[in-house]
Amino acid sequence: TLSVLPKDKSPRPISSKLKLTEPLPNKTRFNSSKDFVQTMLPHAKLVAAEYEVDPKILIAHAALETNWGRSIPGHKAGNPCYNLFGIKSSKKAPHRKVKTHEYRRGVKRTEYAHFRVYRDYSDCFNDYMKLMNKTRFKKVLNLGDNPRAYFTHLQKAGYATDPKYADKLMRVYNHPSLKSVS
């Protein structure tokens, strides 16, 4: 059982108290940014409750990484990968090699990278939160109610190479499609 260290510093298992009454959506095509938000909201709320993170932060991060679900890394028709957060993989884990953009010494370059493949969106959200519980990202778990600080720490901790990553995340967080999310 994976456990996290919440703000009260007492470990608890992930999703120990959360019971699903119906399957979570795993659609792979989105008609709009609002459609993407509505699909991801149940997943985000589920993990956000356990980690005490604003679900809008999680959806904004997924929206930026996938262009509101229109460009999920390694997603192929009939063979989805459900990687919402651009999480890279070692060659040992299930993955797909995909063309991506990285900044090297301030210059945007096109490269190939291995991105993790997930069974469904819930698997991806859970893996993302496990990643945030790792040493270099761990501070974000204490910033879950402050999107600017959360995004700034992600950037400083090296989540992405884009020098404007935190600002872009903040713009997505303030997008009209996320305004009604609570």
Protein backbone atom coordinates (compact mmCIF):
# COMPACT_ATOMS: atom_id res chain seq x y z
CA THR A 1 0.00 0.00 0.00
CA LEU A 2 1.33 3.38 -0.98
CA SER A 3 1.01 6.07 1.65
CA VAL A 4 1.45 9.79 1.58
CA LEU A 5 2.43 12.28 4.22
CA PRO A 6 -0.44 14.80 4.37
CA LYS A 7 -0.25 18.20 6.01
CA ASP A 8 -0.95 16.71 9.42
CA LYS A 9 2.17 14.51 8.84
CA SER A 10 0.37 11.22 9.54
CA PRO A 11 0.68 8.67 6.73
CA ARG A 12 -2.48 7.26 5.19
CA PRO A 13 -3.10 4.97 2.23
CA ILE A 14 -4.10 6.55 -1.05
CA SER A 15 -7.82 6.33 -1.83
CA SER A 16 -8.51 4.31 1.30
CA LYS A 17 -11.81 6.05 2.01
CA LEU A 18 -12.93 6.83 -1.50
CA LYS A 19 -15.57 4.51 -2.91
CA LEU A 20 -16.67 4.70 -6.52
CA THR A 21 -20.36 4.35 -7.29
CA GLU A 22 -19.82 4.18 -11.05
CA PRO A 23 -16.85 3.75 -13.40
CA LEU A 24 -14.82 6.86 -14.11
CA PRO A 25 -14.90 8.10 -17.71
CA ASN A 26 -12.01 7.19 -20.01
CA LYS A 27 -13.08 8.71 -23.31
CA THR A 28 -10.25 9.53 -25.67
CA ARG A 29 -11.77 12.24 -27.88
CA PHE A 30 -12.83 15.63 -26.57
CA ASN A 31 -15.15 18.09 -28.30
CA SER A 32 -13.95 21.11 -26.34
CA SER A 33 -11.92 22.26 -23.35
CA LYS A 34 -15.12 22.07 -21.29
CA ASP A 35 -15.62 18.45 -22.37
CA PHE A 36 -12.05 17.67 -21.29
CA VAL A 37 -12.63 19.30 -17.89
CA GLN A 38 -15.87 17.38 -17.33
CA THR A 39 -14.17 14.08 -18.19
CA MET A 40 -11.13 14.70 -15.98
CA LEU A 41 -12.97 16.22 -13.02
CA PRO A 42 -14.00 12.94 -11.34
CA HIS A 43 -10.42 11.63 -11.62
CA ALA A 44 -8.94 14.88 -10.32
CA LYS A 45 -11.37 15.13 -7.42
CA LEU A 46 -10.63 11.57 -6.36
CA VAL A 47 -6.88 12.07 -5.95
CA ALA A 48 -7.17 15.74 -4.94
CA ALA A 49 -9.21 14.78 -1.88
CA GLU A 50 -6.55 12.36 -0.70
CA TYR A 51 -3.62 14.71 -1.32
CA GLU A 52 -5.36 17.94 -0.32
CA VAL A 53 -4.67 19.50 -3.71
CA ASP A 54 -7.00 21.79 -5.64
CA PRO A 55 -8.43 19.59 -8.45
CA LYS A 56 -8.19 22.58 -10.82
CA ILE A 57 -4.40 22.42 -10.43
CA LEU A 58 -4.40 18.82 -11.64
CA ILE A 59 -6.76 19.49 -14.54
CA ALA A 60 -4.81 22.60 -15.58
CA HIS A 61 -1.59 20.58 -15.61
CA ALA A 62 -3.19 17.82 -17.71
CA ALA A 63 -4.76 20.41 -20.03
CA LEU A 64 -1.43 22.14 -20.69
CA GLU A 65 0.43 18.88 -21.30
CA THR A 66 -2.23 17.54 -23.70
CA ASN A 67 -3.68 20.72 -25.24
CA TRP A 68 -7.04 19.99 -23.58
CA GLY A 69 -6.84 16.31 -24.54
CA ARG A 70 -6.19 16.92 -28.23
CA SER A 71 -2.56 15.82 -28.09
CA ILE A 72 -1.98 13.05 -25.54
CA PRO A 73 1.62 11.80 -25.95
CA GLY A 74 1.71 8.44 -27.71
CA HIS A 75 -2.07 8.28 -28.07
CA LYS A 76 -3.02 6.24 -31.13
CA ALA A 77 -6.47 5.50 -32.49
CA GLY A 78 -7.68 2.27 -30.92
CA ASN A 79 -4.65 2.08 -28.64
CA PRO A 80 -4.83 4.84 -26.01
CA CYS A 81 -2.01 5.53 -23.58
CA TYR A 82 -3.88 7.84 -21.12
CA ASN A 83 -0.72 9.85 -20.30
CA LEU A 84 -2.13 13.25 -19.30
CA PHE A 85 0.92 14.75 -17.61
CA GLY A 86 3.69 14.09 -20.13
CA ILE A 87 5.27 11.60 -17.73
CA LYS A 88 8.35 10.07 -19.25
CA SER A 89 9.39 6.47 -18.83
CA SER A 90 12.38 4.25 -18.71
CA LYS A 91 12.46 1.68 -21.45
CA LYS A 92 11.61 -0.98 -18.83
CA ALA A 93 8.10 0.34 -18.13
CA PRO A 94 5.32 0.29 -20.73
CA HIS A 95 5.97 3.28 -22.99
CA ARG A 96 5.74 4.82 -26.42
CA LYS A 97 8.49 6.74 -28.19
CA VAL A 98 7.08 10.12 -29.19
CA LYS A 99 8.31 13.36 -30.75
CA THR A 100 8.29 16.17 -28.18
CA HIS A 101 9.67 19.65 -27.58
CA GLU A 102 12.35 20.35 -24.97
CA TYR A 103 14.31 23.48 -24.15
CA ARG A 104 18.07 23.07 -24.07
CA ARG A 105 20.05 26.14 -22.99
CA GLY A 106 16.97 28.25 -23.66
CA VAL A 107 16.47 26.94 -27.20
CA LYS A 108 13.36 24.95 -28.13
CA ARG A 109 14.27 21.64 -29.81
CA THR A 110 12.37 18.70 -31.19
CA GLU A 111 13.43 15.39 -29.66
CA TYR A 112 12.13 11.89 -29.13
CA ALA A 113 11.31 10.67 -25.64
CA HIS A 114 9.70 7.62 -24.06
CA PHE A 115 6.34 8.39 -22.44
CA ARG A 116 4.59 6.09 -20.00
CA VAL A 117 1.50 4.17 -21.03
CA TYR A 118 -1.37 3.73 -18.53
CA ARG A 119 -4.39 1.44 -18.31
CA ASP A 120 -6.73 4.41 -17.82
CA TYR A 121 -6.83 7.99 -16.58
CA SER A 122 -7.15 6.94 -12.95
CA ASP A 123 -3.88 5.02 -13.26
CA CYS A 124 -2.24 8.14 -14.72
CA PHE A 125 -3.57 10.47 -12.00
CA ASN A 126 -2.37 8.07 -9.29
CA ASP A 127 1.07 7.75 -10.88
CA TYR A 128 1.32 11.53 -11.18
CA MET A 129 0.60 11.93 -7.48
CA LYS A 130 3.16 9.23 -6.63
CA LEU A 131 5.67 11.23 -8.70
CA MET A 132 4.74 14.40 -6.78
CA ASN A 133 5.45 12.47 -3.57
CA LYS A 134 9.08 11.96 -4.67
CA THR A 135 11.85 14.02 -3.10
CA ARG A 136 12.35 16.76 -5.69
CA PHE A 137 8.61 17.41 -6.12
CA LYS A 138 7.41 16.64 -2.59
CA LYS A 139 7.02 20.31 -1.66
CA VAL A 140 4.14 20.69 -4.12
CA LEU A 141 1.97 18.54 -1.87
CA ASN A 142 2.11 21.31 0.72
CA LEU A 143 1.23 23.90 -1.94
CA GLY A 144 -1.98 22.26 -3.16
CA ASP A 145 -4.12 25.26 -2.26
CA ASN A 146 -1.84 27.78 -3.98
CA PRO A 147 -1.69 27.24 -7.74
CA ARG A 148 1.00 29.86 -8.44
CA ALA A 149 3.34 28.38 -5.80
CA TYR A 150 2.55 24.80 -6.92
CA PHE A 151 3.35 25.58 -10.56
CA THR A 152 6.45 27.61 -9.71
CA HIS A 153 7.83 24.77 -7.60
CA LEU A 154 7.13 22.24 -10.39
CA GLN A 155 9.18 24.38 -12.76
CA LYS A 156 12.01 24.95 -10.27
CA ALA A 157 12.12 21.23 -9.45
CA GLY A 158 12.65 20.44 -13.14
CA TYR A 159 9.30 18.95 -14.14
CA ALA A 160 9.62 20.57 -17.57
CA THR A 161 12.36 22.30 -19.52
CA ASP A 162 10.17 25.20 -20.73
CA PRO A 163 11.41 28.37 -18.98
CA LYS A 164 7.82 29.77 -19.02
CA TYR A 165 6.18 26.57 -17.76
CA ALA A 166 4.73 28.00 -14.52
CA ASP A 167 3.26 31.00 -16.33
CA LYS A 168 1.66 28.77 -18.96
CA LEU A 169 0.19 26.53 -16.26
CA MET A 170 -1.24 29.58 -14.51
CA ARG A 171 -2.85 30.81 -17.74
CA VAL A 172 -4.52 27.42 -18.21
CA TYR A 173 -5.61 27.39 -14.56
CA ASN A 174 -7.40 30.71 -15.18
CA HIS A 175 -9.04 29.51 -18.42
CA PRO A 176 -12.84 30.01 -18.55
CA SER A 177 -13.39 26.23 -18.81
CA LEU A 178 -11.94 25.83 -15.31
CA LYS A 179 -13.77 28.77 -13.68
CA SER A 180 -16.76 26.68 -12.57
CA VAL A 181 -14.66 23.87 -11.05
CA SER A 182 -14.70 23.79 -7.28
